[in-house]
Amino acid sequence: MIAVEGEGATYWSRWRGPSGQGLVAGSGYPDKWSATENVLWRKPVPGSGNSSPVVWGDRIFLTTAYDGGSRLSLIAFKRSDGSQLWESFAPAGRAEFTHRKNGHASATPITDGERVYVSFGSRGLFAFDMNGKLVWSQDLGPIDNYWGAAGSPLLYKDRIILYQDQRSGSFIVAFDARTGKQAWKTNRNASVGWGTPVAIRAGGR
């Protein structure tokens, strides 16, 4: 895997952490919890969702859905005390079919400390600033993969990369992280899938 450098290496900024491997450096972390033991605070989350929280500085971000996926949002909480800072909604759009055990807010956001990038499947890919203002959005087209979208985006250098495997029309696509302009897109001969891309070094590249 490609090692994360700079400030991003100190935060849990994406699905499965900075490198995408689910690893944490250091020691001394608690290994057991109860309703009260090793719990700093507890706050309710509105709506329903399956995304993992991501952390940057004193902010925690996660996604949620309301009304059967007709409303989708990104929520920011204060890391120190759990207070909700803001909630921003994606513009209205198409809603996809999801399995009853899945939902419409399953992909985990990713952040670089300046923007938070969120994939909502058939609703599209969105970039918000750290105060919840929508910066840009991109339509990904209708997603059809039995269970609903779940793959999370990857931020590599100045590109947001997302792949979507489905019953037909599978693809991997990259967008300019600053402008949202499509940089490239490659069609894939693949069936349904729900993975998240990772960046590796291979063959000197």
N, C-alpha and C. Protein backbone atom coordinates (compact mmCIF):
# COMPACT_ATOMS: atom_id res chain seq x y z
N MET A 1 0.84 -1.19 0.00
CA MET A 1 0.00 0.00 0.00
C MET A 1 0.88 1.25 0.00
N ILE A 2 0.35 2.34 -0.52
CA ILE A 2 1.08 3.60 -0.51
C ILE A 2 0.91 4.25 0.85
N ALA A 3 2.03 4.58 1.50
CA ALA A 3 1.98 5.20 2.82
C ALA A 3 1.42 6.61 2.73
N VAL A 4 0.59 6.96 3.68
CA VAL A 4 0.02 8.30 3.75
C VAL A 4 1.01 9.21 4.45
N GLU A 5 1.22 10.40 3.90
CA GLU A 5 2.17 11.34 4.46
C GLU A 5 1.46 12.59 4.95
N GLY A 6 2.17 13.37 5.78
CA GLY A 6 1.65 14.65 6.23
C GLY A 6 0.54 14.51 7.25
N GLU A 7 -0.29 15.55 7.33
CA GLU A 7 -1.33 15.61 8.35
C GLU A 7 -2.36 14.50 8.20
N GLY A 8 -2.59 14.07 6.98
CA GLY A 8 -3.59 13.03 6.76
C GLY A 8 -3.26 11.72 7.44
N ALA A 9 -1.97 11.47 7.73
CA ALA A 9 -1.58 10.22 8.38
C ALA A 9 -1.96 10.20 9.85
N THR A 10 -2.30 11.33 10.42
CA THR A 10 -2.60 11.40 11.85
C THR A 10 -4.09 11.25 12.15
N TYR A 11 -4.93 11.20 11.11
CA TYR A 11 -6.37 11.12 11.32
C TYR A 11 -6.97 9.91 10.61
N TRP A 12 -8.15 9.52 11.05
CA TRP A 12 -8.89 8.43 10.41
C TRP A 12 -9.77 9.06 9.34
N SER A 13 -9.17 9.33 8.19
CA SER A 13 -9.79 10.20 7.20
C SER A 13 -10.59 9.49 6.12
N ARG A 14 -10.62 8.16 6.15
CA ARG A 14 -11.26 7.41 5.07
C ARG A 14 -11.67 6.03 5.57
N TRP A 15 -12.33 5.28 4.69
CA TRP A 15 -12.72 3.90 4.98
C TRP A 15 -11.49 3.08 5.36
N ARG A 16 -11.51 2.48 6.54
CA ARG A 16 -10.44 1.65 7.07
C ARG A 16 -9.15 2.42 7.32
N GLY A 17 -9.26 3.70 7.58
CA GLY A 17 -8.12 4.48 8.04
C GLY A 17 -7.23 5.03 6.94
N PRO A 18 -6.13 5.70 7.33
CA PRO A 18 -5.30 6.44 6.37
C PRO A 18 -4.80 5.62 5.19
N SER A 19 -4.40 4.36 5.42
CA SER A 19 -3.86 3.54 4.34
C SER A 19 -4.91 2.62 3.73
N GLY A 20 -6.11 2.58 4.30
CA GLY A 20 -7.14 1.69 3.80
C GLY A 20 -7.00 0.26 4.27
N GLN A 21 -6.10 0.02 5.24
CA GLN A 21 -5.84 -1.33 5.72
C GLN A 21 -6.46 -1.62 7.08
N GLY A 22 -7.08 -0.63 7.70
CA GLY A 22 -7.68 -0.85 9.00
C GLY A 22 -6.66 -0.98 10.11
N LEU A 23 -5.50 -0.35 9.95
CA LEU A 23 -4.42 -0.46 10.93
C LEU A 23 -4.21 0.86 11.67
N VAL A 24 -3.87 0.76 12.95
CA VAL A 24 -3.58 1.93 13.77
C VAL A 24 -2.19 1.78 14.37
N ALA A 25 -1.34 2.78 14.21
CA ALA A 25 -0.01 2.75 14.80
C ALA A 25 -0.09 3.11 16.28
N GLY A 26 0.90 2.65 17.05
CA GLY A 26 0.95 3.00 18.46
C GLY A 26 0.38 1.91 19.34
N SER A 27 0.21 2.24 20.61
CA SER A 27 -0.28 1.25 21.58
C SER A 27 -1.04 1.97 22.68
N GLY A 28 -1.54 1.19 23.63
CA GLY A 28 -2.24 1.77 24.77
C GLY A 28 -3.70 2.04 24.53
N TYR A 29 -4.26 1.51 23.44
CA TYR A 29 -5.67 1.71 23.15
C TYR A 29 -6.53 0.75 23.98
N PRO A 30 -7.72 1.15 24.39
CA PRO A 30 -8.59 0.23 25.12
C PRO A 30 -9.02 -0.93 24.24
N ASP A 31 -9.19 -2.09 24.86
CA ASP A 31 -9.61 -3.27 24.10
C ASP A 31 -10.92 -3.85 24.60
N LYS A 32 -11.63 -3.12 25.46
CA LYS A 32 -12.95 -3.56 25.88
C LYS A 32 -13.80 -2.35 26.21
N TRP A 33 -15.11 -2.51 25.99
CA TRP A 33 -16.06 -1.45 26.23
C TRP A 33 -17.33 -2.03 26.83
N SER A 34 -18.06 -1.18 27.49
CA SER A 34 -19.41 -1.51 27.95
C SER A 34 -20.26 -0.27 27.72
N ALA A 35 -21.44 -0.24 28.30
CA ALA A 35 -22.29 0.94 28.15
C ALA A 35 -21.65 2.18 28.76
N THR A 36 -20.71 1.98 29.68
CA THR A 36 -20.08 3.12 30.36
C THR A 36 -18.55 3.07 30.32
N GLU A 37 -17.97 1.90 30.27
CA GLU A 37 -16.51 1.77 30.34
C GLU A 37 -15.85 2.22 29.04
N ASN A 38 -14.85 3.10 29.15
CA ASN A 38 -14.09 3.63 28.02
C ASN A 38 -14.97 4.34 26.99
N VAL A 39 -16.07 4.90 27.44
CA VAL A 39 -16.96 5.69 26.58
C VAL A 39 -16.85 7.15 27.00
N LEU A 40 -16.36 8.00 26.12
CA LEU A 40 -16.20 9.42 26.44
C LEU A 40 -17.53 10.15 26.33
N TRP A 41 -18.29 9.87 25.28
CA TRP A 41 -19.61 10.48 25.10
C TRP A 41 -20.44 9.61 24.17
N ARG A 42 -21.72 9.86 24.16
CA ARG A 42 -22.65 9.11 23.32
C ARG A 42 -23.72 10.07 22.82
N LYS A 43 -23.94 10.07 21.50
CA LYS A 43 -24.94 10.96 20.91
C LYS A 43 -25.79 10.20 19.90
N PRO A 44 -27.07 10.49 19.82
CA PRO A 44 -27.90 9.85 18.79
C PRO A 44 -27.59 10.41 17.41
N VAL A 45 -27.73 9.56 16.40
CA VAL A 45 -27.54 9.97 15.01
C VAL A 45 -28.89 9.90 14.32
N PRO A 46 -29.35 10.98 13.72
CA PRO A 46 -30.65 10.95 13.05
C PRO A 46 -30.62 10.11 11.79
N GLY A 47 -31.80 9.68 11.34
CA GLY A 47 -31.88 8.92 10.11
C GLY A 47 -31.32 7.52 10.27
N SER A 48 -30.89 6.94 9.16
CA SER A 48 -30.30 5.60 9.17
C SER A 48 -29.17 5.54 8.16
N GLY A 49 -28.14 4.77 8.47
CA GLY A 49 -27.01 4.65 7.57
C GLY A 49 -26.06 3.57 8.01
N ASN A 50 -25.17 3.16 7.10
CA ASN A 50 -24.19 2.12 7.38
C ASN A 50 -22.76 2.60 7.17
N SER A 51 -22.55 3.87 6.93
CA SER A 51 -21.20 4.36 6.70
C SER A 51 -20.41 4.39 8.00
N SER A 52 -19.09 4.32 7.86
CA SER A 52 -18.21 4.48 9.01
C SER A 52 -17.93 5.96 9.23
N PRO A 53 -17.72 6.39 10.46
CA PRO A 53 -17.32 7.78 10.69
C PRO A 53 -15.88 7.99 10.27
N VAL A 54 -15.57 9.19 9.79
CA VAL A 54 -14.18 9.58 9.52
C VAL A 54 -13.86 10.80 10.37
N VAL A 55 -12.57 10.98 10.65
CA VAL A 55 -12.14 12.00 11.60
C VAL A 55 -11.06 12.87 10.98
N TRP A 56 -11.20 14.18 11.20
CA TRP A 56 -10.12 15.13 10.87
C TRP A 56 -10.14 16.23 11.91
N GLY A 57 -9.04 16.40 12.62
CA GLY A 57 -9.00 17.42 13.67
C GLY A 57 -10.05 17.14 14.72
N ASP A 58 -10.85 18.13 15.04
CA ASP A 58 -11.90 17.97 16.05
C ASP A 58 -13.26 17.71 15.41
N ARG A 59 -13.25 17.16 14.20
CA ARG A 59 -14.52 16.91 13.52
C ARG A 59 -14.66 15.45 13.12
N ILE A 60 -15.87 14.96 13.27
CA ILE A 60 -16.25 13.62 12.84
C ILE A 60 -17.34 13.76 11.78
N PHE A 61 -17.20 13.03 10.69
CA PHE A 61 -18.18 13.10 9.60
C PHE A 61 -18.76 11.71 9.34
N LEU A 62 -20.06 11.67 9.09
CA LEU A 62 -20.70 10.44 8.64
C LEU A 62 -21.94 10.79 7.84
N THR A 63 -22.49 9.79 7.16
CA THR A 63 -23.66 10.03 6.31
C THR A 63 -24.89 9.35 6.89
N THR A 64 -26.05 9.83 6.47
CA THR A 64 -27.30 9.23 6.92
C THR A 64 -28.38 9.47 5.86
N ALA A 65 -29.47 8.71 5.99
CA ALA A 65 -30.56 8.80 5.02
C ALA A 65 -31.89 8.89 5.74
N TYR A 66 -32.83 9.56 5.11
CA TYR A 66 -34.18 9.71 5.65
C TYR A 66 -35.21 9.30 4.60
N ASP A 67 -36.39 8.94 5.07
CA ASP A 67 -37.56 8.74 4.20
C ASP A 67 -37.27 7.78 3.05
N GLY A 68 -36.68 6.63 3.39
CA GLY A 68 -36.43 5.63 2.37
C GLY A 68 -35.42 6.03 1.33
N GLY A 69 -34.50 6.93 1.68
CA GLY A 69 -33.46 7.36 0.76
C GLY A 69 -33.81 8.58 -0.06
N SER A 70 -34.97 9.17 0.17
CA SER A 70 -35.33 10.37 -0.60
C SER A 70 -34.52 11.59 -0.15
N ARG A 71 -34.02 11.55 1.10
CA ARG A 71 -33.16 12.62 1.59
C ARG A 71 -31.88 12.01 2.15
N LEU A 72 -30.74 12.52 1.68
CA LEU A 72 -29.43 12.00 2.06
C LEU A 72 -28.58 13.15 2.57
N SER A 73 -27.82 12.90 3.63
CA SER A 73 -27.07 14.01 4.21
C SER A 73 -25.70 13.60 4.73
N LEU A 74 -24.85 14.60 4.89
CA LEU A 74 -23.56 14.49 5.56
C LEU A 74 -23.66 15.28 6.86
N ILE A 75 -23.25 14.65 7.97
CA ILE A 75 -23.34 15.29 9.28
C ILE A 75 -21.95 15.44 9.87
N ALA A 76 -21.70 16.58 10.51
CA ALA A 76 -20.44 16.82 11.22
C ALA A 76 -20.71 16.93 12.72
N PHE A 77 -19.89 16.21 13.49
CA PHE A 77 -19.96 16.27 14.95
C PHE A 77 -18.64 16.77 15.50
N LYS A 78 -18.68 17.35 16.68
CA LYS A 78 -17.47 17.78 17.36
C LYS A 78 -16.85 16.58 18.06
N ARG A 79 -15.60 16.33 17.76
CA ARG A 79 -14.95 15.13 18.28
C ARG A 79 -14.82 15.15 19.80
N SER A 80 -14.62 16.29 20.38
CA SER A 80 -14.35 16.37 21.82
C SER A 80 -15.56 16.10 22.68
N ASP A 81 -16.76 16.49 22.22
CA ASP A 81 -17.94 16.31 23.07
C ASP A 81 -19.15 15.71 22.35
N GLY A 82 -19.03 15.46 21.04
CA GLY A 82 -20.12 14.83 20.30
C GLY A 82 -21.23 15.75 19.86
N SER A 83 -21.11 17.03 20.10
CA SER A 83 -22.17 17.95 19.68
C SER A 83 -22.23 18.03 18.16
N GLN A 84 -23.45 18.11 17.62
CA GLN A 84 -23.61 18.19 16.18
C GLN A 84 -23.31 19.61 15.72
N LEU A 85 -22.40 19.73 14.74
CA LEU A 85 -22.00 21.04 14.23
C LEU A 85 -22.88 21.49 13.07
N TRP A 86 -23.14 20.59 12.15
CA TRP A 86 -24.00 20.92 11.02
C TRP A 86 -24.46 19.65 10.31
N GLU A 87 -25.45 19.81 9.47
CA GLU A 87 -25.93 18.73 8.60
C GLU A 87 -26.26 19.34 7.25
N SER A 88 -25.69 18.76 6.19
CA SER A 88 -25.91 19.27 4.83
C SER A 88 -26.51 18.17 3.97
N PHE A 89 -27.53 18.52 3.21
CA PHE A 89 -28.26 17.55 2.40
C PHE A 89 -27.81 17.59 0.94
N ALA A 90 -27.73 16.40 0.34
CA ALA A 90 -27.47 16.31 -1.09
C ALA A 90 -28.70 16.79 -1.84
N PRO A 91 -28.51 17.41 -3.00
CA PRO A 91 -29.67 17.83 -3.79
C PRO A 91 -30.57 16.64 -4.13
N ALA A 92 -31.83 16.90 -4.31
CA ALA A 92 -32.78 15.84 -4.65
C ALA A 92 -32.39 15.18 -5.97
N GLY A 93 -32.67 13.89 -6.08
CA GLY A 93 -32.35 13.17 -7.30
C GLY A 93 -32.91 11.77 -7.25
N ARG A 94 -32.41 10.92 -8.14
CA ARG A 94 -32.92 9.55 -8.22
C ARG A 94 -32.55 8.76 -6.96
N ALA A 95 -33.41 7.83 -6.61
CA ALA A 95 -33.14 6.91 -5.51
C ALA A 95 -33.08 5.50 -6.08
N GLU A 96 -32.12 4.71 -5.62
CA GLU A 96 -31.94 3.37 -6.15
C GLU A 96 -32.57 2.33 -5.23
N PHE A 97 -32.78 1.14 -5.79
CA PHE A 97 -33.25 0.03 -4.97
C PHE A 97 -32.12 -0.42 -4.06
N THR A 98 -32.43 -0.72 -2.82
CA THR A 98 -31.46 -1.30 -1.91
C THR A 98 -32.08 -2.50 -1.20
N HIS A 99 -31.25 -3.43 -0.83
CA HIS A 99 -31.70 -4.57 -0.05
C HIS A 99 -32.15 -4.09 1.32
N ARG A 100 -33.05 -4.82 1.95
CA ARG A 100 -33.59 -4.40 3.24
C ARG A 100 -32.52 -4.34 4.33
N LYS A 101 -31.42 -5.07 4.16
CA LYS A 101 -30.34 -5.02 5.15
C LYS A 101 -29.29 -3.96 4.81
N ASN A 102 -29.44 -3.34 3.67
CA ASN A 102 -28.55 -2.25 3.29
C ASN A 102 -29.32 -0.94 3.49
N GLY A 103 -28.82 0.13 2.94
CA GLY A 103 -29.50 1.41 3.03
C GLY A 103 -29.01 2.32 1.93
N HIS A 104 -29.33 3.59 2.03
CA HIS A 104 -28.95 4.56 1.00
C HIS A 104 -27.76 5.42 1.42
N ALA A 105 -27.21 5.16 2.60
CA ALA A 105 -26.04 5.91 3.09
C ALA A 105 -25.02 4.92 3.62
N SER A 106 -24.49 4.08 2.72
CA SER A 106 -23.58 3.01 3.13
C SER A 106 -22.12 3.33 2.85
N ALA A 107 -21.83 4.15 1.86
CA ALA A 107 -20.44 4.49 1.55
C ALA A 107 -19.88 5.45 2.59
N THR A 108 -18.63 5.22 2.98
CA THR A 108 -17.96 6.06 3.96
C THR A 108 -17.36 7.29 3.28
N PRO A 109 -17.50 8.47 3.86
CA PRO A 109 -16.89 9.67 3.27
C PRO A 109 -15.36 9.60 3.33
N ILE A 110 -14.71 10.53 2.67
CA ILE A 110 -13.26 10.70 2.76
C ILE A 110 -12.97 12.19 2.79
N THR A 111 -11.95 12.59 3.56
CA THR A 111 -11.64 14.02 3.68
C THR A 111 -10.14 14.26 3.63
N ASP A 112 -9.76 15.43 3.13
CA ASP A 112 -8.37 15.86 3.13
C ASP A 112 -8.17 17.06 4.05
N GLY A 113 -9.16 17.35 4.88
CA GLY A 113 -9.07 18.48 5.79
C GLY A 113 -9.54 19.78 5.19
N GLU A 114 -9.79 19.80 3.89
CA GLU A 114 -10.34 20.97 3.23
C GLU A 114 -11.75 20.70 2.71
N ARG A 115 -11.96 19.47 2.25
CA ARG A 115 -13.26 19.07 1.75
C ARG A 115 -13.59 17.66 2.20
N VAL A 116 -14.87 17.36 2.20
CA VAL A 116 -15.35 16.02 2.51
C VAL A 116 -16.07 15.51 1.27
N TYR A 117 -15.66 14.34 0.79
CA TYR A 117 -16.20 13.78 -0.44
C TYR A 117 -17.09 12.59 -0.08
N VAL A 118 -18.28 12.57 -0.68
CA VAL A 118 -19.30 11.59 -0.32
C VAL A 118 -19.90 10.98 -1.58
N SER A 119 -20.02 9.66 -1.61
CA SER A 119 -20.71 8.99 -2.70
C SER A 119 -22.07 8.50 -2.21
N PHE A 120 -23.11 8.89 -2.92
CA PHE A 120 -24.45 8.43 -2.61
C PHE A 120 -25.02 7.60 -3.77
N GLY A 121 -24.17 6.81 -4.42
CA GLY A 121 -24.64 5.89 -5.46
C GLY A 121 -25.34 6.59 -6.60
N SER A 122 -26.57 6.21 -6.87
CA SER A 122 -27.32 6.79 -7.98
C SER A 122 -27.58 8.28 -7.82
N ARG A 123 -27.48 8.79 -6.60
CA ARG A 123 -27.67 10.22 -6.37
C ARG A 123 -26.46 11.01 -6.84
N GLY A 124 -25.26 10.40 -6.78
CA GLY A 124 -24.08 11.07 -7.28
C GLY A 124 -22.94 11.15 -6.28
N LEU A 125 -21.88 11.84 -6.69
CA LEU A 125 -20.69 12.09 -5.88
C LEU A 125 -20.67 13.57 -5.53
N PHE A 126 -20.40 13.87 -4.25
CA PHE A 126 -20.51 15.25 -3.77
C PHE A 126 -19.26 15.65 -2.99
N ALA A 127 -18.90 16.94 -3.12
CA ALA A 127 -17.81 17.51 -2.35
C ALA A 127 -18.35 18.67 -1.52
N PHE A 128 -18.15 18.60 -0.21
CA PHE A 128 -18.56 19.66 0.71
C PHE A 128 -17.32 20.27 1.35
N ASP A 129 -17.37 21.56 1.68
CA ASP A 129 -16.26 22.12 2.44
C ASP A 129 -16.44 21.75 3.91
N MET A 130 -15.50 22.16 4.76
CA MET A 130 -15.50 21.72 6.15
C MET A 130 -16.61 22.37 6.97
N ASN A 131 -17.31 23.33 6.38
CA ASN A 131 -18.45 23.95 7.04
C ASN A 131 -19.79 23.47 6.48
N GLY A 132 -19.72 22.47 5.59
CA GLY A 132 -20.95 21.88 5.08
C GLY A 132 -21.49 22.49 3.81
N LYS A 133 -20.77 23.40 3.18
CA LYS A 133 -21.23 24.00 1.94
C LYS A 133 -20.91 23.08 0.77
N LEU A 134 -21.91 22.84 -0.09
CA LEU A 134 -21.69 22.02 -1.27
C LEU A 134 -20.80 22.76 -2.26
N VAL A 135 -19.69 22.14 -2.66
CA VAL A 135 -18.74 22.75 -3.57
C VAL A 135 -18.97 22.28 -5.00
N TRP A 136 -19.13 21.00 -5.19
CA TRP A 136 -19.46 20.46 -6.51
C TRP A 136 -20.14 19.10 -6.37
N SER A 137 -20.77 18.67 -7.46
CA SER A 137 -21.40 17.35 -7.49
C SER A 137 -21.26 16.76 -8.88
N GLN A 138 -21.27 15.44 -8.96
CA GLN A 138 -21.19 14.74 -10.24
C GLN A 138 -22.20 13.60 -10.28
N ASP A 139 -22.95 13.54 -11.35
CA ASP A 139 -23.92 12.46 -11.55
C ASP A 139 -23.16 11.21 -11.99
N LEU A 140 -23.38 10.09 -11.30
CA LEU A 140 -22.73 8.83 -11.64
C LEU A 140 -23.62 7.93 -12.49
N GLY A 141 -24.83 8.38 -12.76
CA GLY A 141 -25.78 7.56 -13.49
C GLY A 141 -26.48 6.58 -12.56
N PRO A 142 -27.50 5.89 -13.05
CA PRO A 142 -28.22 4.93 -12.21
C PRO A 142 -27.34 3.72 -11.89
N ILE A 143 -27.37 3.28 -10.64
CA ILE A 143 -26.59 2.14 -10.18
C ILE A 143 -27.53 0.96 -9.99
N ASP A 144 -27.15 -0.20 -10.52
CA ASP A 144 -28.01 -1.39 -10.44
C ASP A 144 -27.15 -2.60 -10.06
N ASN A 145 -27.07 -2.88 -8.77
CA ASN A 145 -26.25 -4.02 -8.34
C ASN A 145 -26.91 -4.85 -7.23
N TYR A 146 -28.19 -4.99 -7.29
CA TYR A 146 -28.98 -5.85 -6.38
C TYR A 146 -29.15 -5.28 -4.98
N TRP A 147 -28.05 -4.92 -4.33
CA TRP A 147 -28.09 -4.54 -2.92
C TRP A 147 -28.10 -3.03 -2.72
N GLY A 148 -27.66 -2.26 -3.71
CA GLY A 148 -27.47 -0.83 -3.54
C GLY A 148 -26.00 -0.49 -3.41
N ALA A 149 -25.65 0.75 -3.65
CA ALA A 149 -24.25 1.17 -3.64
C ALA A 149 -23.67 1.14 -2.24
N ALA A 150 -22.36 0.83 -2.14
CA ALA A 150 -21.70 0.81 -0.84
C ALA A 150 -20.22 1.16 -0.94
N GLY A 151 -19.62 1.08 -2.13
CA GLY A 151 -18.20 1.36 -2.27
C GLY A 151 -17.87 2.81 -1.95
N SER A 152 -16.79 3.01 -1.20
CA SER A 152 -16.39 4.36 -0.78
C SER A 152 -15.34 4.94 -1.72
N PRO A 153 -15.26 6.25 -1.85
CA PRO A 153 -14.28 6.86 -2.74
C PRO A 153 -12.87 6.83 -2.17
N LEU A 154 -11.89 6.92 -3.06
CA LEU A 154 -10.47 7.02 -2.71
C LEU A 154 -9.97 8.39 -3.13
N LEU A 155 -9.22 9.05 -2.27
CA LEU A 155 -8.55 10.30 -2.62
C LEU A 155 -7.07 10.00 -2.80
N TYR A 156 -6.57 10.16 -4.02
CA TYR A 156 -5.15 9.94 -4.30
C TYR A 156 -4.60 11.17 -5.01
N LYS A 157 -3.68 11.86 -4.34
CA LYS A 157 -3.14 13.13 -4.83
C LYS A 157 -4.29 14.09 -5.10
N ASP A 158 -4.50 14.49 -6.35
CA ASP A 158 -5.56 15.46 -6.64
C ASP A 158 -6.75 14.82 -7.32
N ARG A 159 -6.91 13.50 -7.13
CA ARG A 159 -7.98 12.78 -7.79
C ARG A 159 -8.88 12.06 -6.78
N ILE A 160 -10.19 12.14 -7.02
CA ILE A 160 -11.15 11.32 -6.31
C ILE A 160 -11.52 10.16 -7.23
N ILE A 161 -11.29 8.94 -6.75
CA ILE A 161 -11.45 7.75 -7.57
C ILE A 161 -12.55 6.87 -6.98
N LEU A 162 -13.41 6.39 -7.84
CA LEU A 162 -14.54 5.57 -7.40
C LEU A 162 -14.80 4.51 -8.45
N TYR A 163 -15.06 3.29 -8.00
CA TYR A 163 -15.47 2.30 -8.99
C TYR A 163 -16.84 1.77 -8.65
N GLN A 164 -17.56 1.39 -9.69
CA GLN A 164 -18.92 0.88 -9.51
C GLN A 164 -19.13 -0.33 -10.39
N ASP A 165 -19.16 -1.50 -9.78
CA ASP A 165 -19.45 -2.73 -10.51
C ASP A 165 -20.93 -3.05 -10.35
N GLN A 166 -21.57 -3.35 -11.47
CA GLN A 166 -23.01 -3.57 -11.46
C GLN A 166 -23.39 -4.55 -12.56
N ARG A 167 -24.68 -4.78 -12.73
CA ARG A 167 -25.12 -5.81 -13.67
C ARG A 167 -24.71 -5.51 -15.10
N SER A 168 -24.64 -4.24 -15.46
CA SER A 168 -24.12 -3.83 -16.76
C SER A 168 -23.58 -2.42 -16.63
N GLY A 169 -22.57 -2.10 -17.43
CA GLY A 169 -22.02 -0.75 -17.40
C GLY A 169 -21.08 -0.48 -16.24
N SER A 170 -20.34 -1.49 -15.77
CA SER A 170 -19.39 -1.28 -14.67
C SER A 170 -18.27 -0.34 -15.11
N PHE A 171 -17.71 0.42 -14.17
CA PHE A 171 -16.68 1.40 -14.52
C PHE A 171 -15.86 1.78 -13.29
N ILE A 172 -14.69 2.38 -13.57
CA ILE A 172 -13.91 3.08 -12.57
C ILE A 172 -13.67 4.48 -13.12
N VAL A 173 -13.80 5.49 -12.27
CA VAL A 173 -13.77 6.87 -12.75
C VAL A 173 -12.98 7.74 -11.77
N ALA A 174 -12.31 8.75 -12.30
CA ALA A 174 -11.56 9.70 -11.47
C ALA A 174 -12.01 11.12 -11.79
N PHE A 175 -12.13 11.93 -10.73
CA PHE A 175 -12.51 13.33 -10.86
C PHE A 175 -11.44 14.21 -10.23
N ASP A 176 -11.29 15.42 -10.77
CA ASP A 176 -10.44 16.41 -10.14
C ASP A 176 -11.04 16.79 -8.80
N ALA A 177 -10.26 16.63 -7.73
CA ALA A 177 -10.80 16.85 -6.39
C ALA A 177 -11.19 18.30 -6.16
N ARG A 178 -10.55 19.22 -6.84
CA ARG A 178 -10.84 20.64 -6.62
C ARG A 178 -12.06 21.11 -7.38
N THR A 179 -12.18 20.66 -8.63
CA THR A 179 -13.23 21.20 -9.51
C THR A 179 -14.39 20.23 -9.74
N GLY A 180 -14.16 18.94 -9.52
CA GLY A 180 -15.18 17.94 -9.82
C GLY A 180 -15.21 17.52 -11.28
N LYS A 181 -14.33 18.07 -12.10
CA LYS A 181 -14.30 17.71 -13.52
C LYS A 181 -13.78 16.29 -13.69
N GLN A 182 -14.43 15.52 -14.57
CA GLN A 182 -13.99 14.15 -14.80
C GLN A 182 -12.61 14.14 -15.46
N ALA A 183 -11.67 13.39 -14.88
CA ALA A 183 -10.32 13.28 -15.41
C ALA A 183 -10.20 12.10 -16.37
N TRP A 184 -10.78 10.98 -16.01
CA TRP A 184 -10.79 9.81 -16.87
C TRP A 184 -11.84 8.82 -16.39
N LYS A 185 -12.21 7.92 -17.28
CA LYS A 185 -13.17 6.87 -16.95
C LYS A 185 -12.83 5.63 -17.76
N THR A 186 -12.81 4.49 -17.11
CA THR A 186 -12.52 3.22 -17.77
C THR A 186 -13.67 2.25 -17.53
N ASN A 187 -14.25 1.76 -18.59
CA ASN A 187 -15.31 0.77 -18.46
C ASN A 187 -14.71 -0.57 -18.06
N ARG A 188 -15.47 -1.35 -17.29
CA ARG A 188 -14.99 -2.62 -16.78
C ARG A 188 -15.93 -3.75 -17.17
N ASN A 189 -15.33 -4.89 -17.52
CA ASN A 189 -16.11 -6.10 -17.78
C ASN A 189 -16.20 -6.87 -16.47
N ALA A 190 -17.06 -6.41 -15.59
CA ALA A 190 -17.15 -6.99 -14.25
C ALA A 190 -18.61 -7.07 -13.82
N SER A 191 -18.87 -7.99 -12.91
CA SER A 191 -20.21 -8.15 -12.38
C SER A 191 -20.36 -7.26 -11.15
N VAL A 192 -21.42 -7.51 -10.38
CA VAL A 192 -21.71 -6.65 -9.24
C VAL A 192 -20.62 -6.72 -8.18
N GLY A 193 -20.39 -5.60 -7.49
CA GLY A 193 -19.39 -5.54 -6.42
C GLY A 193 -19.60 -4.29 -5.59
N TRP A 194 -18.98 -4.28 -4.42
CA TRP A 194 -19.20 -3.19 -3.47
C TRP A 194 -17.89 -2.75 -2.83
N GLY A 195 -16.78 -2.94 -3.51
CA GLY A 195 -15.48 -2.66 -2.92
C GLY A 195 -15.10 -1.19 -2.96
N THR A 196 -14.01 -0.89 -2.28
CA THR A 196 -13.42 0.44 -2.24
C THR A 196 -12.01 0.37 -2.80
N PRO A 197 -11.62 1.22 -3.75
CA PRO A 197 -10.28 1.14 -4.33
C PRO A 197 -9.20 1.52 -3.32
N VAL A 198 -8.00 0.98 -3.52
CA VAL A 198 -6.82 1.36 -2.75
C VAL A 198 -5.69 1.66 -3.73
N ALA A 199 -4.74 2.47 -3.31
CA ALA A 199 -3.58 2.80 -4.14
C ALA A 199 -2.38 1.98 -3.66
N ILE A 200 -1.67 1.35 -4.61
CA ILE A 200 -0.49 0.56 -4.28
C ILE A 200 0.66 0.94 -5.21
N ARG A 201 1.87 0.55 -4.83
CA ARG A 201 3.02 0.67 -5.72
C ARG A 201 3.29 -0.70 -6.31
N ALA A 202 3.39 -0.76 -7.64
CA ALA A 202 3.61 -2.03 -8.31
C ALA A 202 4.39 -1.79 -9.60
N GLY A 203 5.41 -2.60 -9.84
CA GLY A 203 6.18 -2.48 -11.07
C GLY A 203 6.82 -1.12 -11.24
N GLY A 204 7.25 -0.51 -10.14
CA GLY A 204 7.89 0.80 -10.21
C GLY A 204 6.93 1.94 -10.42
N ARG A 205 5.64 1.69 -10.30
CA ARG A 205 4.64 2.74 -10.51
C ARG A 205 3.79 2.88 -9.26
